[in-house]
PDB file of all heavy atoms in Angstrom:
ATOM      1  N   HIS A   1      -3.031 -18.313  -3.145  1.00  0.00           N
ATOM      2  CA  HIS A   1      -2.005 -17.445  -3.656  1.00  0.00           C
ATOM      3  C   HIS A   1      -0.944 -17.107  -2.585  1.00  0.00           C
ATOM      4  O   HIS A   1      -0.425 -15.858  -2.561  1.00  0.00           O
ATOM      5  CB  HIS A   1      -2.615 -16.168  -4.311  1.00  0.00           C
ATOM      6  CG  HIS A   1      -3.665 -16.484  -5.345  1.00  0.00           C
ATOM      7  ND1 HIS A   1      -3.355 -16.588  -6.670  1.00  0.00           N
ATOM      8  CD2 HIS A   1      -5.027 -16.599  -5.286  1.00  0.00           C
ATOM      9  CE1 HIS A   1      -4.409 -16.839  -7.325  1.00  0.00           C
ATOM     10  NE2 HIS A   1      -5.360 -16.953  -6.489  1.00  0.00           N
ATOM     11  N   ALA A   2      -0.590 -18.027  -1.812  1.00  0.00           N
ATOM     12  CA  ALA A   2       0.240 -17.706  -0.595  1.00  0.00           C
ATOM     13  C   ALA A   2       1.645 -17.306  -1.296  1.00  0.00           C
ATOM     14  O   ALA A   2       1.999 -17.808  -2.271  1.00  0.00           O
ATOM     15  CB  ALA A   2       0.386 -18.943   0.201  1.00  0.00           C
ATOM     16  N   LEU A   3       2.302 -16.376  -0.493  1.00  0.00           N
ATOM     17  CA  LEU A   3       3.682 -16.000  -0.929  1.00  0.00           C
ATOM     18  C   LEU A   3       4.708 -16.991  -0.509  1.00  0.00           C
ATOM     19  O   LEU A   3       4.623 -17.207   0.735  1.00  0.00           O
ATOM     20  CB  LEU A   3       3.902 -14.506  -0.282  1.00  0.00           C
ATOM     21  CG  LEU A   3       3.338 -13.343  -0.895  1.00  0.00           C
ATOM     22  CD1 LEU A   3       3.507 -12.150  -0.046  1.00  0.00           C
ATOM     23  CD2 LEU A   3       3.974 -13.036  -2.402  1.00  0.00           C
ATOM     24  N   VAL A   4       5.632 -17.367  -1.329  1.00  0.00           N
ATOM     25  CA  VAL A   4       6.778 -18.112  -0.898  1.00  0.00           C
ATOM     26  C   VAL A   4       7.822 -17.041  -0.552  1.00  0.00           C
ATOM     27  O   VAL A   4       8.195 -16.170  -1.506  1.00  0.00           O
ATOM     28  CB  VAL A   4       7.214 -19.106  -1.994  1.00  0.00           C
ATOM     29  CG1 VAL A   4       8.538 -19.749  -1.603  1.00  0.00           C
ATOM     30  CG2 VAL A   4       6.127 -20.087  -2.316  1.00  0.00           C
ATOM     31  N   LEU A   5       8.342 -17.089   0.572  1.00  0.00           N
ATOM     32  CA  LEU A   5       9.302 -16.097   0.975  1.00  0.00           C
ATOM     33  C   LEU A   5      10.449 -15.809   0.030  1.00  0.00           C
ATOM     34  O   LEU A   5      10.703 -14.666  -0.384  1.00  0.00           O
ATOM     35  CB  LEU A   5       9.872 -16.405   2.456  1.00  0.00           C
ATOM     36  CG  LEU A   5      10.809 -15.298   2.953  1.00  0.00           C
ATOM     37  CD1 LEU A   5      10.265 -14.040   3.123  1.00  0.00           C
ATOM     38  CD2 LEU A   5      11.509 -15.908   4.334  1.00  0.00           C
ATOM     39  N   ARG A   6      11.127 -16.815  -0.341  1.00  0.00           N
ATOM     40  CA  ARG A   6      12.320 -16.572  -1.333  1.00  0.00           C
ATOM     41  C   ARG A   6      11.811 -15.992  -2.570  1.00  0.00           C
ATOM     42  O   ARG A   6      12.481 -15.068  -3.165  1.00  0.00           O
ATOM     43  CB  ARG A   6      12.852 -17.923  -1.550  1.00  0.00           C
ATOM     44  CG  ARG A   6      14.220 -17.915  -2.428  1.00  0.00           C
ATOM     45  CD  ARG A   6      14.859 -19.162  -2.693  1.00  0.00           C
ATOM     46  NE  ARG A   6      14.102 -20.302  -3.144  1.00  0.00           N
ATOM     47  CZ  ARG A   6      13.888 -20.452  -4.440  1.00  0.00           C
ATOM     48  NH1 ARG A   6      14.390 -19.627  -5.354  1.00  0.00           N
ATOM     49  NH2 ARG A   6      13.009 -21.295  -4.833  1.00  0.00           N
ATOM     50  N   GLU A   7      10.668 -16.456  -3.097  1.00  0.00           N
ATOM     51  CA  GLU A   7      10.085 -15.944  -4.399  1.00  0.00           C
ATOM     52  C   GLU A   7       9.790 -14.425  -4.141  1.00  0.00           C
ATOM     53  O   GLU A   7      10.018 -13.609  -5.098  1.00  0.00           O
ATOM     54  CB  GLU A   7       8.960 -16.733  -4.826  1.00  0.00           C
ATOM     55  CG  GLU A   7       9.204 -18.099  -5.331  1.00  0.00           C
ATOM     56  CD  GLU A   7       8.034 -18.876  -5.655  1.00  0.00           C
ATOM     57  OE1 GLU A   7       6.928 -18.343  -5.538  1.00  0.00           O
ATOM     58  OE2 GLU A   7       8.217 -20.053  -6.042  1.00  0.00           O
ATOM     59  N   ALA A   8       9.257 -14.072  -3.153  1.00  0.00           N
ATOM     60  CA  ALA A   8       8.774 -12.625  -2.805  1.00  0.00           C
ATOM     61  C   ALA A   8      10.060 -11.647  -2.775  1.00  0.00           C
ATOM     62  O   ALA A   8      10.012 -10.655  -3.312  1.00  0.00           O
ATOM     63  CB  ALA A   8       8.080 -12.481  -1.501  1.00  0.00           C
ATOM     64  N   VAL A   9      11.080 -12.217  -2.126  1.00  0.00           N
ATOM     65  CA  VAL A   9      12.364 -11.471  -2.085  1.00  0.00           C
ATOM     66  C   VAL A   9      12.921 -11.262  -3.386  1.00  0.00           C
ATOM     67  O   VAL A   9      13.431 -10.147  -3.769  1.00  0.00           O
ATOM     68  CB  VAL A   9      13.342 -12.096  -1.061  1.00  0.00           C
ATOM     69  CG1 VAL A   9      14.712 -11.474  -1.120  1.00  0.00           C
ATOM     70  CG2 VAL A   9      12.831 -12.101   0.318  1.00  0.00           C
ATOM     71  N   GLU A  10      12.929 -12.342  -4.264  1.00  0.00           N
ATOM     72  CA  GLU A  10      13.539 -12.289  -5.605  1.00  0.00           C
ATOM     73  C   GLU A  10      12.692 -11.315  -6.500  1.00  0.00           C
ATOM     74  O   GLU A  10      13.234 -10.611  -7.298  1.00  0.00           O
ATOM     75  CB  GLU A  10      13.505 -13.708  -6.242  1.00  0.00           C
ATOM     76  CG  GLU A  10      14.524 -14.599  -5.714  1.00  0.00           C
ATOM     77  CD  GLU A  10      14.475 -16.073  -6.203  1.00  0.00           C
ATOM     78  OE1 GLU A  10      13.515 -16.301  -7.037  1.00  0.00           O
ATOM     79  OE2 GLU A  10      15.343 -16.895  -5.978  1.00  0.00           O
ATOM     80  N   ALA A  11      11.421 -11.347  -6.319  1.00  0.00           N
ATOM     81  CA  ALA A  11      10.498 -10.560  -7.144  1.00  0.00           C
ATOM     82  C   ALA A  11      10.753  -9.019  -6.723  1.00  0.00           C
ATOM     83  O   ALA A  11      10.770  -8.156  -7.562  1.00  0.00           O
ATOM     84  CB  ALA A  11       8.986 -10.815  -6.790  1.00  0.00           C
ATOM     85  N   LEU A  12      10.911  -8.598  -5.411  1.00  0.00           N
ATOM     86  CA  LEU A  12      11.111  -7.351  -5.047  1.00  0.00           C
ATOM     87  C   LEU A  12      12.511  -6.837  -5.618  1.00  0.00           C
ATOM     88  O   LEU A  12      12.560  -5.697  -5.996  1.00  0.00           O
ATOM     89  CB  LEU A  12      10.966  -7.178  -3.499  1.00  0.00           C
ATOM     90  CG  LEU A  12       9.616  -7.328  -2.918  1.00  0.00           C
ATOM     91  CD1 LEU A  12       9.706  -7.507  -1.309  1.00  0.00           C
ATOM     92  CD2 LEU A  12       8.832  -6.121  -3.301  1.00  0.00           C
ATOM     93  N   GLU A  13      13.489  -7.677  -5.572  1.00  0.00           N
ATOM     94  CA  GLU A  13      14.774  -7.365  -6.122  1.00  0.00           C
ATOM     95  C   GLU A  13      14.726  -7.030  -7.620  1.00  0.00           C
ATOM     96  O   GLU A  13      15.289  -5.941  -7.952  1.00  0.00           O
ATOM     97  CB  GLU A  13      15.779  -8.547  -5.810  1.00  0.00           C
ATOM     98  CG  GLU A  13      17.162  -8.248  -6.281  1.00  0.00           C
ATOM     99  CD  GLU A  13      18.054  -9.360  -6.079  1.00  0.00           C
ATOM    100  OE1 GLU A  13      17.707 -10.403  -5.678  1.00  0.00           O
ATOM    101  OE2 GLU A  13      19.245  -9.184  -6.427  1.00  0.00           O
ATOM    102  N   ALA A  14      14.040  -7.857  -8.370  1.00  0.00           N
ATOM    103  CA  ALA A  14      13.892  -7.614  -9.822  1.00  0.00           C
ATOM    104  C   ALA A  14      13.091  -6.333 -10.018  1.00  0.00           C
ATOM    105  O   ALA A  14      13.381  -5.694 -10.932  1.00  0.00           O
ATOM    106  CB  ALA A  14      13.248  -8.809 -10.430  1.00  0.00           C
ATOM    107  N   ALA A  15      12.026  -6.140  -9.277  1.00  0.00           N
ATOM    108  CA  ALA A  15      11.147  -4.992  -9.470  1.00  0.00           C
ATOM    109  C   ALA A  15      11.849  -3.624  -9.197  1.00  0.00           C
ATOM    110  O   ALA A  15      11.567  -2.755  -9.718  1.00  0.00           O
ATOM    111  CB  ALA A  15       9.866  -5.143  -8.636  1.00  0.00           C
ATOM    112  N   GLY A  16      12.736  -3.731  -8.346  1.00  0.00           N
ATOM    113  CA  GLY A  16      13.567  -2.529  -8.014  1.00  0.00           C
ATOM    114  C   GLY A  16      14.433  -2.022  -9.181  1.00  0.00           C
ATOM    115  O   GLY A  16      14.557  -0.831  -9.327  1.00  0.00           O
ATOM    116  N   ARG A  17      14.726  -2.954 -10.091  1.00  0.00           N
ATOM    117  CA  ARG A  17      15.483  -2.589 -11.353  1.00  0.00           C
ATOM    118  C   ARG A  17      14.700  -2.464 -12.595  1.00  0.00           C
ATOM    119  O   ARG A  17      15.159  -1.958 -13.594  1.00  0.00           O
ATOM    120  CB  ARG A  17      16.593  -3.784 -11.544  1.00  0.00           C
ATOM    121  CG  ARG A  17      17.600  -4.091 -10.399  1.00  0.00           C
ATOM    122  CD  ARG A  17      18.564  -5.025 -10.943  1.00  0.00           C
ATOM    123  NE  ARG A  17      18.057  -6.099 -11.323  1.00  0.00           N
ATOM    124  CZ  ARG A  17      17.904  -7.249 -10.555  1.00  0.00           C
ATOM    125  NH1 ARG A  17      18.227  -7.316  -9.391  1.00  0.00           N
ATOM    126  NH2 ARG A  17      17.401  -8.441 -11.109  1.00  0.00           N
ATOM    127  N   ASP A  18      13.427  -2.797 -12.390  1.00  0.00           N
ATOM    128  CA  ASP A  18      12.475  -2.826 -13.474  1.00  0.00           C
ATOM    129  C   ASP A  18      11.849  -1.422 -13.689  1.00  0.00           C
ATOM    130  O   ASP A  18      11.067  -0.970 -12.842  1.00  0.00           O
ATOM    131  CB  ASP A  18      11.387  -3.773 -13.424  1.00  0.00           C
ATOM    132  CG  ASP A  18      10.570  -4.122 -14.602  1.00  0.00           C
ATOM    133  OD1 ASP A  18      10.574  -3.211 -15.392  1.00  0.00           O
ATOM    134  OD2 ASP A  18      10.050  -5.166 -14.699  1.00  0.00           O
ATOM    135  N   ASP A  19      12.128  -0.607 -14.818  1.00  0.00           N
ATOM    136  CA  ASP A  19      11.488   0.728 -15.030  1.00  0.00           C
ATOM    137  C   ASP A  19      10.144   0.718 -15.054  1.00  0.00           C
ATOM    138  O   ASP A  19       9.392   1.728 -14.901  1.00  0.00           O
ATOM    139  CB  ASP A  19      12.163   1.320 -16.261  1.00  0.00           C
ATOM    140  CG  ASP A  19      13.620   1.587 -16.090  1.00  0.00           C
ATOM    141  OD1 ASP A  19      14.055   1.787 -14.869  1.00  0.00           O
ATOM    142  OD2 ASP A  19      14.349   1.714 -17.106  1.00  0.00           O
ATOM    143  N   ARG A  20       9.416  -0.523 -15.500  1.00  0.00           N
ATOM    144  CA  ARG A  20       7.973  -0.595 -15.567  1.00  0.00           C
ATOM    145  C   ARG A  20       7.241  -0.470 -14.282  1.00  0.00           C
ATOM    146  O   ARG A  20       6.096  -0.117 -14.100  1.00  0.00           O
ATOM    147  CB  ARG A  20       7.564  -1.812 -16.394  1.00  0.00           C
ATOM    148  CG  ARG A  20       8.097  -1.903 -17.801  1.00  0.00           C
ATOM    149  CD  ARG A  20       7.890  -3.258 -18.401  1.00  0.00           C
ATOM    150  NE  ARG A  20       8.529  -4.337 -17.552  1.00  0.00           N
ATOM    151  CZ  ARG A  20       8.526  -5.637 -17.762  1.00  0.00           C
ATOM    152  NH1 ARG A  20       7.747  -6.096 -18.842  1.00  0.00           N
ATOM    153  NH2 ARG A  20       9.269  -6.474 -17.162  1.00  0.00           N
ATOM    154  N   VAL A  21       8.020  -0.919 -13.176  1.00  0.00           N
ATOM    155  CA  VAL A  21       7.436  -0.855 -11.842  1.00  0.00           C
ATOM    156  C   VAL A  21       7.698   0.397 -11.267  1.00  0.00           C
ATOM    157  O   VAL A  21       8.767   0.828 -11.006  1.00  0.00           O
ATOM    158  CB  VAL A  21       8.039  -2.014 -10.954  1.00  0.00           C
ATOM    159  CG1 VAL A  21       7.480  -1.960  -9.531  1.00  0.00           C
ATOM    160  CG2 VAL A  21       7.715  -3.471 -11.701  1.00  0.00           C
ATOM    161  N   LYS A  22       6.546   1.159 -10.971  1.00  0.00           N
ATOM    162  CA  LYS A  22       6.617   2.560 -10.460  1.00  0.00           C
ATOM    163  C   LYS A  22       6.443   2.728  -8.904  1.00  0.00           C
ATOM    164  O   LYS A  22       7.026   3.657  -8.350  1.00  0.00           O
ATOM    165  CB  LYS A  22       5.487   3.376 -10.997  1.00  0.00           C
ATOM    166  CG  LYS A  22       5.532   3.392 -12.559  1.00  0.00           C
ATOM    167  CD  LYS A  22       6.844   3.794 -13.161  1.00  0.00           C
ATOM    168  CE  LYS A  22       6.735   3.792 -14.747  1.00  0.00           C
ATOM    169  NZ  LYS A  22       8.029   4.055 -15.350  1.00  0.00           N
ATOM    170  N   ALA A  23       5.917   1.689  -8.260  1.00  0.00           N
ATOM    171  CA  ALA A  23       5.721   1.692  -6.925  1.00  0.00           C
ATOM    172  C   ALA A  23       5.237   0.379  -6.297  1.00  0.00           C
ATOM    173  O   ALA A  23       4.989  -0.551  -7.037  1.00  0.00           O
ATOM    174  CB  ALA A  23       4.494   2.791  -6.593  1.00  0.00           C
ATOM    175  N   LEU A  24       5.076   0.415  -4.984  1.00  0.00           N
ATOM    176  CA  LEU A  24       4.814  -0.824  -4.263  1.00  0.00           C
ATOM    177  C   LEU A  24       3.692  -0.536  -3.191  1.00  0.00           C
ATOM    178  O   LEU A  24       3.846   0.566  -2.520  1.00  0.00           O
ATOM    179  CB  LEU A  24       6.054  -1.405  -3.622  1.00  0.00           C
ATOM    180  CG  LEU A  24       5.761  -2.690  -2.673  1.00  0.00           C
ATOM    181  CD1 LEU A  24       5.383  -3.933  -3.443  1.00  0.00           C
ATOM    182  CD2 LEU A  24       6.996  -3.012  -1.759  1.00  0.00           C
ATOM    183  N   VAL A  25       2.692  -1.492  -3.094  1.00  0.00           N
ATOM    184  CA  VAL A  25       1.737  -1.363  -2.052  1.00  0.00           C
ATOM    185  C   VAL A  25       1.807  -2.497  -1.220  1.00  0.00           C
ATOM    186  O   VAL A  25       1.767  -3.626  -1.667  1.00  0.00           O
ATOM    187  CB  VAL A  25       0.389  -1.067  -2.595  1.00  0.00           C
ATOM    188  CG1 VAL A  25      -0.661  -1.019  -1.496  1.00  0.00           C
ATOM    189  CG2 VAL A  25       0.201   0.165  -3.445  1.00  0.00           C
ATOM    190  N   ILE A  26       1.896  -2.368   0.029  1.00  0.00           N
ATOM    191  CA  ILE A  26       1.887  -3.423   1.014  1.00  0.00           C
ATOM    192  C   ILE A  26       0.478  -3.574   1.741  1.00  0.00           C
ATOM    193  O   ILE A  26      -0.024  -2.468   2.247  1.00  0.00           O
ATOM    194  CB  ILE A  26       2.946  -3.196   2.161  1.00  0.00           C
ATOM    195  CG1 ILE A  26       4.347  -3.183   1.566  1.00  0.00           C
ATOM    196  CG2 ILE A  26       2.973  -4.442   3.228  1.00  0.00           C
ATOM    197  CD1 ILE A  26       5.428  -2.732   2.589  1.00  0.00           C
ATOM    198  N   ARG A  27      -0.153  -4.603   1.644  1.00  0.00           N
ATOM    199  CA  ARG A  27      -1.377  -4.744   2.312  1.00  0.00           C
ATOM    200  C   ARG A  27      -1.145  -5.716   3.478  1.00  0.00           C
ATOM    201  O   ARG A  27      -1.054  -6.946   3.268  1.00  0.00           O
ATOM    202  CB  ARG A  27      -2.468  -5.352   1.450  1.00  0.00           C
ATOM    203  CG  ARG A  27      -3.804  -5.238   1.917  1.00  0.00           C
ATOM    204  CD  ARG A  27      -4.995  -5.297   1.015  1.00  0.00           C
ATOM    205  NE  ARG A  27      -6.231  -4.972   1.477  1.00  0.00           N
ATOM    206  CZ  ARG A  27      -7.429  -4.907   0.881  1.00  0.00           C
ATOM    207  NH1 ARG A  27      -7.375  -5.217  -0.445  1.00  0.00           N
ATOM    208  NH2 ARG A  27      -8.514  -4.768   1.518  1.00  0.00           N
ATOM    209  N   ALA A  28      -1.213  -5.146   4.601  1.00  0.00           N
ATOM    210  CA  ALA A  28      -0.737  -5.834   5.853  1.00  0.00           C
ATOM    211  C   ALA A  28      -2.039  -6.042   6.801  1.00  0.00           C
ATOM    212  O   ALA A  28      -3.165  -5.564   6.486  1.00  0.00           O
ATOM    213  CB  ALA A  28       0.266  -5.178   6.554  1.00  0.00           C
ATOM    214  N   GLY A  29      -1.895  -6.546   7.977  1.00  0.00           N
ATOM    215  CA  GLY A  29      -2.858  -6.741   8.974  1.00  0.00           C
ATOM    216  C   GLY A  29      -3.447  -8.089   9.090  1.00  0.00           C
ATOM    217  O   GLY A  29      -3.901  -8.348  10.164  1.00  0.00           O
ATOM    218  N   TRP A  30      -3.273  -9.001   8.115  1.00  0.00           N
ATOM    219  CA  TRP A  30      -3.894 -10.325   8.089  1.00  0.00           C
ATOM    220  C   TRP A  30      -2.712 -11.281   8.062  1.00  0.00           C
ATOM    221  O   TRP A  30      -1.567 -10.917   7.535  1.00  0.00           O
ATOM    222  CB  TRP A  30      -4.855 -10.573   6.988  1.00  0.00           C
ATOM    223  CG  TRP A  30      -6.023  -9.776   6.987  1.00  0.00           C
ATOM    224  CD1 TRP A  30      -6.343  -8.732   7.873  1.00  0.00           C
ATOM    225  CD2 TRP A  30      -6.968  -9.711   5.961  1.00  0.00           C
ATOM    226  NE1 TRP A  30      -7.521  -8.118   7.440  1.00  0.00           N
ATOM    227  CE2 TRP A  30      -7.918  -8.687   6.399  1.00  0.00           C
ATOM    228  CE3 TRP A  30      -7.205 -10.527   4.792  1.00  0.00           C
ATOM    229  CZ2 TRP A  30      -8.992  -8.448   5.563  1.00  0.00           C
ATOM    230  CZ3 TRP A  30      -8.374 -10.309   4.108  1.00  0.00           C
ATOM    231  CH2 TRP A  30      -9.340  -9.344   4.462  1.00  0.00           C
ATOM    232  N   GLY A  31      -2.962 -12.504   8.410  1.00  0.00           N
ATOM    233  CA  GLY A  31      -1.898 -13.566   8.391  1.00  0.00           C
ATOM    234  C   GLY A  31      -1.065 -13.715   9.475  1.00  0.00           C
ATOM    235  O   GLY A  31      -1.153 -12.856  10.531  1.00  0.00           O
ATOM    236  N   ALA A  32      -0.148 -14.646   9.606  1.00  0.00           N
ATOM    237  CA  ALA A  32       0.618 -14.990  10.819  1.00  0.00           C
ATOM    238  C   ALA A  32       2.043 -15.294  10.328  1.00  0.00           C
ATOM    239  O   ALA A  32       2.594 -16.388  10.638  1.00  0.00           O
ATOM    240  CB  ALA A  32       0.078 -16.162  11.492  1.00  0.00           C
TER     241      ALA A  32
END
C-alpha cells in the first residue's frame, strides 16, 4: 500500500474541500 507522492498530494487537496472529511492523522516514524 505504498503512497505514490502525486496521488497523496491530490488526495489531500480533494479532502480539504470534502465536507465528509473531518480530520487527518499522520502516522510517521517509519520509512525513508
